[in-house]
Amino acid sequence: MESKKILFLGPEKSPLLIWLRTQKETVYQYSEPLTDEFIKENDFDFMISYGYRYIIKKSILDLFPLSAINLHISYLPWNRGADPNLWSFVDHTPKGVTIHLLDVGVDTGGILVQKKIDFIHEHETLSSSYNKLQMAIQELFKKNWLQLKNGEIEPIKAVEKGSYHAKQDIDKISRKLSLGWDTPISVLTHNFIGDS
């Protein structure tokens, strides 16, 4: 099997970065803003974004045709952007995790693999549901890693418009989150935004 030079964009202590290294992958971790020079100097074959906080420029993405992926904890095209877990409950949209190609849009690249997740426990909180989604995306990645790395999964374009939220959108509902991320998901009703 051909070895690839992989750029992992995200935290140094990411469980997936640690897992990739146990798989004998040649992985370089980076969490700062990317530059064209850095990418060209290092000649990476594949890019994985998981918990990365910066927008990646088109000039860099153009160097990774069909080999730059993002791990997102929503069931795309629903809840693109910030705080996808929160908005899936507030907006009553499908919940899940998605691995997709990176493009110049926000979570708009072709969908490679995804999985719906149900939350039925009455004591579930935003924090506990977030942790479940993180575990689910990591498992989905591990299960499909070889096919993802080798480009064996055909991307699918979302047919529905879905939804998007910016980071500042949370300001509209922050008063309702008196317990912060320990807020039970049961309080996030269909009238959640309307009664603020």
N, C-alpha and C. Protein backbone atom coordinates (compact mmCIF):
# COMPACT_ATOMS: atom_id res chain seq x y z
N MET A 1 0.84 -1.18 0.00
CA MET A 1 0.00 0.00 0.00
C MET A 1 0.89 1.24 0.00
N GLU A 2 0.55 2.19 -0.86
CA GLU A 2 1.34 3.40 -1.01
C GLU A 2 1.22 4.30 0.22
N SER A 3 2.38 4.76 0.70
CA SER A 3 2.41 5.65 1.84
C SER A 3 2.18 7.09 1.37
N LYS A 4 1.45 7.86 2.17
CA LYS A 4 1.17 9.25 1.84
C LYS A 4 1.66 10.15 2.95
N LYS A 5 2.02 11.36 2.58
CA LYS A 5 2.44 12.37 3.54
C LYS A 5 1.20 13.18 3.89
N ILE A 6 0.75 13.07 5.14
CA ILE A 6 -0.54 13.61 5.55
C ILE A 6 -0.35 14.84 6.44
N LEU A 7 -1.11 15.89 6.13
CA LEU A 7 -1.15 17.08 6.96
C LEU A 7 -2.43 17.03 7.79
N PHE A 8 -2.28 17.02 9.10
CA PHE A 8 -3.42 17.00 10.02
C PHE A 8 -3.58 18.39 10.60
N LEU A 9 -4.71 19.03 10.29
CA LEU A 9 -5.01 20.37 10.80
C LEU A 9 -5.93 20.24 12.01
N GLY A 10 -5.40 20.56 13.18
CA GLY A 10 -6.19 20.44 14.40
C GLY A 10 -5.29 20.34 15.60
N PRO A 11 -5.87 20.13 16.78
CA PRO A 11 -5.10 20.10 18.03
C PRO A 11 -4.06 18.99 18.07
N GLU A 12 -2.96 19.30 18.71
CA GLU A 12 -1.87 18.34 18.85
C GLU A 12 -2.27 17.10 19.64
N LYS A 13 -3.23 17.26 20.56
CA LYS A 13 -3.66 16.13 21.40
C LYS A 13 -4.90 15.45 20.86
N SER A 14 -5.24 15.68 19.61
CA SER A 14 -6.42 15.06 19.02
C SER A 14 -6.31 13.54 19.05
N PRO A 15 -7.35 12.84 19.51
CA PRO A 15 -7.32 11.38 19.50
C PRO A 15 -7.11 10.80 18.10
N LEU A 16 -7.60 11.49 17.07
CA LEU A 16 -7.42 10.98 15.72
C LEU A 16 -5.99 11.11 15.24
N LEU A 17 -5.31 12.17 15.63
CA LEU A 17 -3.90 12.31 15.28
C LEU A 17 -3.10 11.18 15.93
N ILE A 18 -3.38 10.91 17.18
CA ILE A 18 -2.70 9.81 17.89
C ILE A 18 -3.00 8.49 17.20
N TRP A 19 -4.27 8.27 16.82
CA TRP A 19 -4.64 7.02 16.15
C TRP A 19 -3.93 6.87 14.81
N LEU A 20 -3.89 7.94 14.02
CA LEU A 20 -3.22 7.88 12.72
C LEU A 20 -1.76 7.47 12.87
N ARG A 21 -1.12 7.98 13.89
CA ARG A 21 0.29 7.62 14.10
C ARG A 21 0.45 6.16 14.50
N THR A 22 -0.54 5.59 15.18
CA THR A 22 -0.47 4.15 15.50
C THR A 22 -0.67 3.31 14.26
N GLN A 23 -1.24 3.90 13.20
CA GLN A 23 -1.46 3.20 11.94
C GLN A 23 -0.24 3.30 11.02
N LYS A 24 0.84 3.82 11.57
CA LYS A 24 2.11 3.98 10.84
C LYS A 24 2.00 4.96 9.68
N GLU A 25 1.12 5.94 9.81
CA GLU A 25 1.00 6.98 8.81
C GLU A 25 2.05 8.07 9.07
N THR A 26 2.53 8.69 8.01
CA THR A 26 3.44 9.82 8.13
C THR A 26 2.56 11.07 8.24
N VAL A 27 2.40 11.56 9.47
CA VAL A 27 1.45 12.63 9.73
C VAL A 27 2.17 13.83 10.35
N TYR A 28 1.86 15.00 9.81
CA TYR A 28 2.37 16.26 10.34
C TYR A 28 1.19 17.05 10.88
N GLN A 29 1.28 17.46 12.15
CA GLN A 29 0.20 18.22 12.78
C GLN A 29 0.49 19.71 12.67
N TYR A 30 -0.57 20.48 12.42
CA TYR A 30 -0.43 21.93 12.29
C TYR A 30 -1.72 22.58 12.78
N SER A 31 -1.59 23.67 13.54
CA SER A 31 -2.80 24.34 14.03
C SER A 31 -2.78 25.85 13.80
N GLU A 32 -1.78 26.33 13.10
CA GLU A 32 -1.67 27.76 12.77
C GLU A 32 -2.27 28.03 11.39
N PRO A 33 -2.47 29.32 11.03
CA PRO A 33 -2.96 29.62 9.68
C PRO A 33 -1.99 29.11 8.61
N LEU A 34 -2.53 28.48 7.58
CA LEU A 34 -1.71 27.92 6.51
C LEU A 34 -1.28 28.99 5.52
N THR A 35 -0.10 28.79 4.96
CA THR A 35 0.37 29.63 3.86
C THR A 35 0.67 28.75 2.66
N ASP A 36 0.58 29.33 1.47
CA ASP A 36 0.91 28.59 0.25
C ASP A 36 2.35 28.07 0.32
N GLU A 37 3.26 28.90 0.85
CA GLU A 37 4.67 28.51 0.92
C GLU A 37 4.87 27.27 1.77
N PHE A 38 4.21 27.23 2.93
CA PHE A 38 4.33 26.09 3.82
C PHE A 38 3.88 24.80 3.12
N ILE A 39 2.77 24.88 2.41
CA ILE A 39 2.25 23.70 1.72
C ILE A 39 3.18 23.27 0.60
N LYS A 40 3.65 24.21 -0.19
CA LYS A 40 4.52 23.87 -1.33
C LYS A 40 5.87 23.33 -0.86
N GLU A 41 6.39 23.88 0.22
CA GLU A 41 7.68 23.41 0.75
C GLU A 41 7.60 21.98 1.27
N ASN A 42 6.45 21.59 1.78
CA ASN A 42 6.33 20.27 2.42
C ASN A 42 5.73 19.19 1.54
N ASP A 43 5.12 19.57 0.44
CA ASP A 43 4.65 18.59 -0.55
C ASP A 43 3.78 17.48 0.06
N PHE A 44 2.70 17.90 0.72
CA PHE A 44 1.78 16.93 1.33
C PHE A 44 0.91 16.28 0.26
N ASP A 45 0.50 15.03 0.53
CA ASP A 45 -0.37 14.31 -0.39
C ASP A 45 -1.84 14.39 0.01
N PHE A 46 -2.10 14.61 1.32
CA PHE A 46 -3.46 14.51 1.83
C PHE A 46 -3.62 15.46 3.00
N MET A 47 -4.79 16.06 3.15
CA MET A 47 -5.05 16.98 4.25
C MET A 47 -6.32 16.58 4.99
N ILE A 48 -6.23 16.56 6.32
CA ILE A 48 -7.37 16.26 7.19
C ILE A 48 -7.58 17.45 8.12
N SER A 49 -8.78 18.00 8.11
CA SER A 49 -9.13 19.10 9.01
C SER A 49 -10.12 18.57 10.06
N TYR A 50 -9.72 18.66 11.32
CA TYR A 50 -10.58 18.20 12.41
C TYR A 50 -10.32 19.08 13.63
N GLY A 51 -11.21 20.03 13.86
CA GLY A 51 -11.03 20.96 14.96
C GLY A 51 -10.11 22.11 14.60
N TYR A 52 -9.92 22.36 13.31
CA TYR A 52 -9.06 23.45 12.84
C TYR A 52 -9.86 24.74 12.82
N ARG A 53 -9.29 25.84 13.28
CA ARG A 53 -10.01 27.08 13.53
C ARG A 53 -9.88 28.14 12.44
N TYR A 54 -9.25 27.81 11.32
CA TYR A 54 -9.01 28.83 10.31
C TYR A 54 -9.62 28.46 8.96
N ILE A 55 -9.98 29.48 8.19
CA ILE A 55 -10.45 29.28 6.82
C ILE A 55 -9.25 28.95 5.95
N ILE A 56 -9.39 27.96 5.10
CA ILE A 56 -8.30 27.57 4.20
C ILE A 56 -8.52 28.22 2.84
N LYS A 57 -7.51 28.92 2.36
CA LYS A 57 -7.60 29.67 1.11
C LYS A 57 -7.77 28.74 -0.10
N LYS A 58 -8.43 29.26 -1.11
CA LYS A 58 -8.64 28.51 -2.36
C LYS A 58 -7.32 28.08 -2.98
N SER A 59 -6.31 28.96 -2.94
CA SER A 59 -5.01 28.63 -3.54
C SER A 59 -4.40 27.39 -2.91
N ILE A 60 -4.67 27.18 -1.63
CA ILE A 60 -4.16 25.97 -0.95
C ILE A 60 -5.03 24.78 -1.29
N LEU A 61 -6.35 24.95 -1.26
CA LEU A 61 -7.25 23.85 -1.60
C LEU A 61 -7.01 23.35 -3.02
N ASP A 62 -6.63 24.25 -3.93
CA ASP A 62 -6.37 23.86 -5.31
C ASP A 62 -5.20 22.88 -5.41
N LEU A 63 -4.35 22.86 -4.40
CA LEU A 63 -3.21 21.94 -4.40
C LEU A 63 -3.60 20.54 -3.90
N PHE A 64 -4.85 20.41 -3.44
CA PHE A 64 -5.35 19.14 -2.90
C PHE A 64 -6.65 18.71 -3.59
N PRO A 65 -6.62 18.54 -4.91
CA PRO A 65 -7.88 18.14 -5.57
C PRO A 65 -8.32 16.75 -5.07
N LEU A 66 -9.49 16.71 -4.48
CA LEU A 66 -10.10 15.48 -3.97
C LEU A 66 -9.28 14.80 -2.87
N SER A 67 -8.37 15.54 -2.23
CA SER A 67 -7.57 14.92 -1.17
C SER A 67 -7.47 15.81 0.07
N ALA A 68 -8.47 16.66 0.27
CA ALA A 68 -8.56 17.47 1.50
C ALA A 68 -9.94 17.26 2.09
N ILE A 69 -9.98 16.74 3.31
CA ILE A 69 -11.26 16.42 3.93
C ILE A 69 -11.45 17.14 5.25
N ASN A 70 -12.71 17.29 5.64
CA ASN A 70 -13.07 17.90 6.91
C ASN A 70 -14.00 16.96 7.67
N LEU A 71 -13.85 16.91 8.97
CA LEU A 71 -14.73 16.14 9.84
C LEU A 71 -15.64 17.12 10.57
N HIS A 72 -16.95 16.98 10.38
CA HIS A 72 -17.91 17.95 10.91
C HIS A 72 -18.99 17.21 11.69
N ILE A 73 -19.32 17.71 12.88
CA ILE A 73 -20.29 17.00 13.73
C ILE A 73 -21.71 17.48 13.47
N SER A 74 -22.12 17.40 12.22
CA SER A 74 -23.52 17.59 11.87
C SER A 74 -23.85 16.67 10.70
N TYR A 75 -25.13 16.50 10.46
CA TYR A 75 -25.57 15.70 9.33
C TYR A 75 -25.79 16.66 8.16
N LEU A 76 -24.70 16.94 7.45
CA LEU A 76 -24.76 17.90 6.35
C LEU A 76 -25.77 17.48 5.29
N PRO A 77 -26.43 18.47 4.67
CA PRO A 77 -26.13 19.91 4.66
C PRO A 77 -26.70 20.69 5.84
N TRP A 78 -27.26 20.02 6.82
CA TRP A 78 -27.84 20.70 7.98
C TRP A 78 -26.74 21.15 8.92
N ASN A 79 -26.89 22.35 9.44
CA ASN A 79 -26.01 22.89 10.48
C ASN A 79 -24.56 23.04 10.05
N ARG A 80 -24.40 23.61 8.87
CA ARG A 80 -23.07 24.02 8.45
C ARG A 80 -22.62 25.16 9.36
N GLY A 81 -21.33 25.34 9.51
CA GLY A 81 -20.82 26.46 10.30
C GLY A 81 -20.63 26.14 11.77
N ALA A 82 -20.90 27.16 12.60
CA ALA A 82 -20.59 27.09 14.03
C ALA A 82 -21.65 26.38 14.86
N ASP A 83 -21.20 25.76 15.93
CA ASP A 83 -22.07 25.14 16.94
C ASP A 83 -23.13 24.21 16.35
N PRO A 84 -22.73 23.29 15.48
CA PRO A 84 -23.73 22.45 14.81
C PRO A 84 -24.56 21.59 15.75
N ASN A 85 -23.96 21.14 16.84
CA ASN A 85 -24.70 20.31 17.79
C ASN A 85 -25.85 21.10 18.40
N LEU A 86 -25.57 22.28 18.88
CA LEU A 86 -26.61 23.14 19.47
C LEU A 86 -27.75 23.39 18.50
N TRP A 87 -27.42 23.81 17.28
CA TRP A 87 -28.46 24.20 16.32
C TRP A 87 -29.28 23.02 15.84
N SER A 88 -28.73 21.83 15.87
CA SER A 88 -29.53 20.66 15.46
C SER A 88 -30.71 20.45 16.39
N PHE A 89 -30.55 20.81 17.67
CA PHE A 89 -31.65 20.69 18.63
C PHE A 89 -32.57 21.91 18.56
N VAL A 90 -31.99 23.10 18.47
CA VAL A 90 -32.80 24.32 18.40
C VAL A 90 -33.68 24.31 17.16
N ASP A 91 -33.11 23.94 16.01
CA ASP A 91 -33.83 23.99 14.74
C ASP A 91 -34.56 22.68 14.40
N HIS A 92 -34.39 21.67 15.25
CA HIS A 92 -35.01 20.36 15.01
C HIS A 92 -34.64 19.82 13.62
N THR A 93 -33.35 19.81 13.35
CA THR A 93 -32.84 19.28 12.08
C THR A 93 -32.16 17.95 12.34
N PRO A 94 -31.88 17.19 11.28
CA PRO A 94 -31.22 15.89 11.47
C PRO A 94 -29.90 16.04 12.23
N LYS A 95 -29.62 15.05 13.07
CA LYS A 95 -28.40 15.03 13.86
C LYS A 95 -27.49 13.92 13.36
N GLY A 96 -26.20 14.20 13.37
CA GLY A 96 -25.27 13.19 12.93
C GLY A 96 -23.89 13.76 12.70
N VAL A 97 -23.09 13.02 11.95
CA VAL A 97 -21.71 13.41 11.66
C VAL A 97 -21.42 13.18 10.18
N THR A 98 -20.49 13.99 9.64
CA THR A 98 -20.20 13.93 8.21
C THR A 98 -18.71 14.14 7.96
N ILE A 99 -18.18 13.37 7.03
CA ILE A 99 -16.84 13.62 6.50
C ILE A 99 -17.04 14.06 5.06
N HIS A 100 -16.49 15.23 4.73
CA HIS A 100 -16.72 15.79 3.40
C HIS A 100 -15.45 16.40 2.83
N LEU A 101 -15.44 16.60 1.52
CA LEU A 101 -14.32 17.27 0.88
C LEU A 101 -14.32 18.74 1.27
N LEU A 102 -13.14 19.30 1.42
CA LEU A 102 -13.02 20.73 1.67
C LEU A 102 -13.14 21.49 0.37
N ASP A 103 -13.89 22.58 0.40
CA ASP A 103 -13.94 23.49 -0.74
C ASP A 103 -13.96 24.92 -0.18
N VAL A 104 -14.18 25.90 -1.03
CA VAL A 104 -14.10 27.29 -0.57
C VAL A 104 -15.31 27.71 0.26
N GLY A 105 -16.38 26.95 0.25
CA GLY A 105 -17.54 27.26 1.07
C GLY A 105 -17.37 26.76 2.49
N VAL A 106 -18.34 27.05 3.34
CA VAL A 106 -18.31 26.56 4.72
C VAL A 106 -19.11 25.26 4.80
N ASP A 107 -18.38 24.15 4.90
CA ASP A 107 -19.00 22.82 5.02
C ASP A 107 -19.90 22.51 3.82
N THR A 108 -19.46 22.91 2.62
CA THR A 108 -20.27 22.72 1.42
C THR A 108 -19.67 21.70 0.44
N GLY A 109 -18.51 21.16 0.74
CA GLY A 109 -17.87 20.22 -0.17
C GLY A 109 -18.63 18.91 -0.27
N GLY A 110 -18.32 18.14 -1.30
CA GLY A 110 -18.98 16.86 -1.53
C GLY A 110 -18.93 15.95 -0.31
N ILE A 111 -20.06 15.33 -0.01
CA ILE A 111 -20.16 14.45 1.16
C ILE A 111 -19.57 13.09 0.81
N LEU A 112 -18.66 12.61 1.66
CA LEU A 112 -18.01 11.32 1.45
C LEU A 112 -18.70 10.22 2.26
N VAL A 113 -18.80 10.42 3.55
CA VAL A 113 -19.52 9.47 4.42
C VAL A 113 -20.20 10.24 5.53
N GLN A 114 -21.35 9.75 5.97
CA GLN A 114 -22.02 10.38 7.09
C GLN A 114 -22.88 9.34 7.81
N LYS A 115 -23.26 9.71 9.02
CA LYS A 115 -24.06 8.81 9.84
C LYS A 115 -25.01 9.62 10.68
N LYS A 116 -26.28 9.22 10.70
CA LYS A 116 -27.27 9.87 11.57
C LYS A 116 -27.10 9.34 12.99
N ILE A 117 -27.31 10.22 13.95
CA ILE A 117 -27.21 9.86 15.37
C ILE A 117 -28.52 10.27 16.05
N ASP A 118 -29.09 9.35 16.80
CA ASP A 118 -30.32 9.65 17.55
C ASP A 118 -29.97 9.93 19.00
N PHE A 119 -30.65 10.90 19.57
CA PHE A 119 -30.50 11.22 20.99
C PHE A 119 -31.85 11.05 21.65
N ILE A 120 -31.98 9.99 22.44
CA ILE A 120 -33.28 9.69 23.04
C ILE A 120 -33.27 9.73 24.56
N HIS A 121 -32.10 9.83 25.15
CA HIS A 121 -32.01 9.81 26.62
C HIS A 121 -32.48 11.14 27.19
N GLU A 122 -33.40 11.10 28.12
CA GLU A 122 -34.01 12.33 28.66
C GLU A 122 -33.02 13.19 29.44
N HIS A 123 -31.91 12.62 29.89
CA HIS A 123 -30.94 13.39 30.67
C HIS A 123 -29.77 13.88 29.81
N GLU A 124 -29.88 13.75 28.52
CA GLU A 124 -28.83 14.20 27.61
C GLU A 124 -28.68 15.73 27.69
N THR A 125 -27.46 16.20 27.68
CA THR A 125 -27.18 17.64 27.68
C THR A 125 -26.46 18.01 26.38
N LEU A 126 -26.30 19.30 26.15
CA LEU A 126 -25.52 19.73 24.99
C LEU A 126 -24.10 19.17 25.07
N SER A 127 -23.53 19.16 26.26
CA SER A 127 -22.18 18.64 26.44
C SER A 127 -22.09 17.14 26.17
N SER A 128 -23.01 16.36 26.74
CA SER A 128 -22.94 14.90 26.54
C SER A 128 -23.24 14.53 25.09
N SER A 129 -24.17 15.26 24.46
CA SER A 129 -24.46 14.96 23.05
C SER A 129 -23.28 15.35 22.16
N TYR A 130 -22.60 16.44 22.50
CA TYR A 130 -21.39 16.84 21.77
C TYR A 130 -20.33 15.74 21.86
N ASN A 131 -20.13 15.20 23.07
CA ASN A 131 -19.15 14.13 23.24
C ASN A 131 -19.52 12.89 22.43
N LYS A 132 -20.80 12.57 22.37
CA LYS A 132 -21.24 11.41 21.57
C LYS A 132 -20.96 11.64 20.09
N LEU A 133 -21.20 12.86 19.63
CA LEU A 133 -20.92 13.18 18.23
C LEU A 133 -19.43 13.11 17.93
N GLN A 134 -18.61 13.55 18.86
CA GLN A 134 -17.16 13.47 18.66
C GLN A 134 -16.71 12.01 18.56
N MET A 135 -17.24 11.17 19.42
CA MET A 135 -16.90 9.74 19.35
C MET A 135 -17.37 9.13 18.04
N ALA A 136 -18.57 9.52 17.60
CA ALA A 136 -19.14 8.98 16.37
C ALA A 136 -18.32 9.38 15.14
N ILE A 137 -17.87 10.64 15.07
CA ILE A 137 -17.09 11.08 13.90
C ILE A 137 -15.73 10.38 13.89
N GLN A 138 -15.16 10.16 15.06
CA GLN A 138 -13.87 9.47 15.12
C GLN A 138 -14.01 8.02 14.66
N GLU A 139 -15.07 7.36 15.09
CA GLU A 139 -15.30 5.98 14.67
C GLU A 139 -15.58 5.89 13.17
N LEU A 140 -16.36 6.83 12.66
CA LEU A 140 -16.65 6.87 11.22
C LEU A 140 -15.37 7.06 10.42
N PHE A 141 -14.50 7.92 10.90
CA PHE A 141 -13.22 8.16 10.24
C PHE A 141 -12.37 6.89 10.23
N LYS A 142 -12.21 6.26 11.38
CA LYS A 142 -11.38 5.05 11.48
C LYS A 142 -11.90 3.95 10.57
N LYS A 143 -13.20 3.77 10.57
CA LYS A 143 -13.83 2.72 9.76
C LYS A 143 -13.59 2.93 8.26
N ASN A 144 -13.53 4.18 7.84
CA ASN A 144 -13.44 4.49 6.41
C ASN A 144 -12.08 5.04 5.98
N TRP A 145 -11.10 5.07 6.89
CA TRP A 145 -9.84 5.74 6.61
C TRP A 145 -9.15 5.25 5.33
N LEU A 146 -9.02 3.98 5.15
CA LEU A 146 -8.29 3.50 3.98
C LEU A 146 -8.96 3.92 2.68
N GLN A 147 -10.29 3.84 2.63
CA GLN A 147 -11.01 4.26 1.42
C GLN A 147 -10.91 5.77 1.22
N LEU A 148 -10.95 6.53 2.31
CA LEU A 148 -10.80 7.99 2.22
C LEU A 148 -9.42 8.34 1.69
N LYS A 149 -8.41 7.76 2.27
CA LYS A 149 -7.03 8.05 1.90
C LYS A 149 -6.75 7.71 0.44
N ASN A 150 -7.34 6.62 -0.03
CA ASN A 150 -7.08 6.16 -1.39
C ASN A 150 -8.05 6.71 -2.42
N GLY A 151 -8.92 7.61 -1.99
CA GLY A 151 -9.86 8.24 -2.92
C GLY A 151 -10.88 7.28 -3.51
N GLU A 152 -11.27 6.28 -2.74
CA GLU A 152 -12.17 5.25 -3.23
C GLU A 152 -13.65 5.54 -2.96
N ILE A 153 -13.95 6.68 -2.34
CA ILE A 153 -15.34 7.03 -2.05
C ILE A 153 -15.75 8.19 -2.94
N GLU A 154 -16.80 7.98 -3.69
CA GLU A 154 -17.30 9.01 -4.61
C GLU A 154 -18.06 10.09 -3.83
N PRO A 155 -17.65 11.35 -3.94
CA PRO A 155 -18.37 12.40 -3.21
C PRO A 155 -19.77 12.63 -3.77
N ILE A 156 -20.69 12.97 -2.89
CA ILE A 156 -22.07 13.25 -3.27
C ILE A 156 -22.38 14.69 -2.90
N LYS A 157 -22.95 15.42 -3.83
CA LYS A 157 -23.34 16.81 -3.56
C LYS A 157 -24.70 16.80 -2.86
N ALA A 158 -24.84 17.59 -1.82
CA ALA A 158 -26.11 17.68 -1.10
C ALA A 158 -27.19 18.24 -2.02
N VAL A 159 -28.37 17.64 -2.00
CA VAL A 159 -29.46 18.12 -2.85
C VAL A 159 -30.34 19.14 -2.14
N GLU A 160 -30.32 19.12 -0.80
CA GLU A 160 -31.11 20.08 -0.05
C GLU A 160 -30.25 21.28 0.33
N LYS A 161 -30.89 22.41 0.56
CA LYS A 161 -30.16 23.62 0.94
C LYS A 161 -29.53 23.46 2.32
N GLY A 162 -30.24 22.82 3.24
CA GLY A 162 -29.72 22.64 4.59
C GLY A 162 -29.81 23.92 5.39
N SER A 163 -28.88 24.11 6.32
CA SER A 163 -28.89 25.30 7.17
C SER A 163 -27.47 25.69 7.54
N TYR A 164 -27.32 26.94 7.95
CA TYR A 164 -26.01 27.49 8.31
C TYR A 164 -26.16 28.43 9.49
N HIS A 165 -25.19 28.42 10.40
CA HIS A 165 -25.16 29.36 11.51
C HIS A 165 -23.74 29.88 11.71
N ALA A 166 -23.65 31.20 11.88
CA ALA A 166 -22.38 31.85 12.18
C ALA A 166 -22.13 31.81 13.68
N LYS A 167 -20.90 32.04 14.09
CA LYS A 167 -20.53 32.00 15.50
C LYS A 167 -21.38 32.95 16.35
N GLN A 168 -21.66 34.14 15.83
CA GLN A 168 -22.41 35.13 16.61
C GLN A 168 -23.90 34.79 16.74
N ASP A 169 -24.40 33.83 15.99
CA ASP A 169 -25.82 33.46 16.09
C ASP A 169 -26.20 32.99 17.50
N ILE A 170 -25.24 32.46 18.21
CA ILE A 170 -25.53 31.96 19.56
C ILE A 170 -25.95 33.10 20.49
N ASP A 171 -25.53 34.33 20.15
CA ASP A 171 -25.92 35.48 20.98
C ASP A 171 -27.43 35.64 21.06
N LYS A 172 -28.15 35.23 20.02
CA LYS A 172 -29.61 35.37 19.97
C LYS A 172 -30.31 34.50 21.02
N ILE A 173 -29.65 33.44 21.43
CA ILE A 173 -30.30 32.50 22.35
C ILE A 173 -29.53 32.29 23.64
N SER A 174 -28.45 33.01 23.85
CA SER A 174 -27.58 32.75 24.99
C SER A 174 -28.30 32.86 26.34
N ARG A 175 -29.31 33.73 26.44
CA ARG A 175 -30.07 33.84 27.70
C ARG A 175 -30.77 32.54 28.05
N LYS A 176 -31.14 31.77 27.04
CA LYS A 176 -31.85 30.51 27.27
C LYS A 176 -30.92 29.39 27.72
N LEU A 177 -29.62 29.60 27.55
CA LEU A 177 -28.65 28.57 27.90
C LEU A 177 -28.06 28.88 29.27
N SER A 178 -28.91 28.96 30.28
CA SER A 178 -28.46 29.36 31.62
C SER A 178 -27.45 28.38 32.21
N LEU A 179 -27.51 27.14 31.78
CA LEU A 179 -26.56 26.14 32.26
C LEU A 179 -25.42 25.92 31.28
N GLY A 180 -25.31 26.79 30.29
CA GLY A 180 -24.25 26.65 29.30
C GLY A 180 -24.37 25.32 28.56
N TRP A 181 -23.24 24.64 28.42
CA TRP A 181 -23.25 23.37 27.68
C TRP A 181 -23.82 22.23 28.51
N ASP A 182 -24.16 22.50 29.78
CA ASP A 182 -24.85 21.49 30.60
C ASP A 182 -26.37 21.61 30.46
N THR A 183 -26.83 22.49 29.57
CA THR A 183 -28.26 22.64 29.33
C THR A 183 -28.84 21.33 28.78
N PRO A 184 -29.91 20.82 29.39
CA PRO A 184 -30.54 19.60 28.86
C PRO A 184 -31.11 19.86 27.46
N ILE A 185 -30.97 18.89 26.58
CA ILE A 185 -31.50 19.08 25.24
C ILE A 185 -33.02 19.12 25.25
N SER A 186 -33.63 18.62 26.32
CA SER A 186 -35.09 18.63 26.41
C SER A 186 -35.67 20.04 26.47
N VAL A 187 -34.86 21.04 26.87
CA VAL A 187 -35.38 22.41 26.94
C VAL A 187 -35.35 23.11 25.58
N LEU A 188 -34.74 22.49 24.61
CA LEU A 188 -34.62 23.13 23.30
C LEU A 188 -35.83 22.75 22.45
N THR A 189 -36.94 23.47 22.68
CA THR A 189 -38.20 23.17 22.01
C THR A 189 -38.33 23.92 20.70
N HIS A 190 -39.39 23.65 19.96
CA HIS A 190 -39.60 24.32 18.66
C HIS A 190 -39.87 25.80 18.82
N ASN A 191 -40.24 26.26 20.00
CA ASN A 191 -40.45 27.68 20.25
C ASN A 191 -39.24 28.36 20.88
N PHE A 192 -38.12 27.65 20.88
CA PHE A 192 -36.93 28.11 21.59
C PHE A 192 -36.49 29.51 21.18
N ILE A 193 -36.40 29.79 19.88
CA ILE A 193 -35.95 31.10 19.44
C ILE A 193 -37.08 32.11 19.56
N GLY A 194 -38.28 31.70 19.24
CA GLY A 194 -39.41 32.63 19.21
C GLY A 194 -39.79 33.22 20.55
N ASP A 195 -39.45 32.57 21.67
CA ASP A 195 -39.88 33.10 22.95
C ASP A 195 -38.75 33.82 23.70
N SER A 196 -37.75 34.30 22.99
CA SER A 196 -36.61 34.94 23.64
C SER A 196 -36.86 36.34 24.08
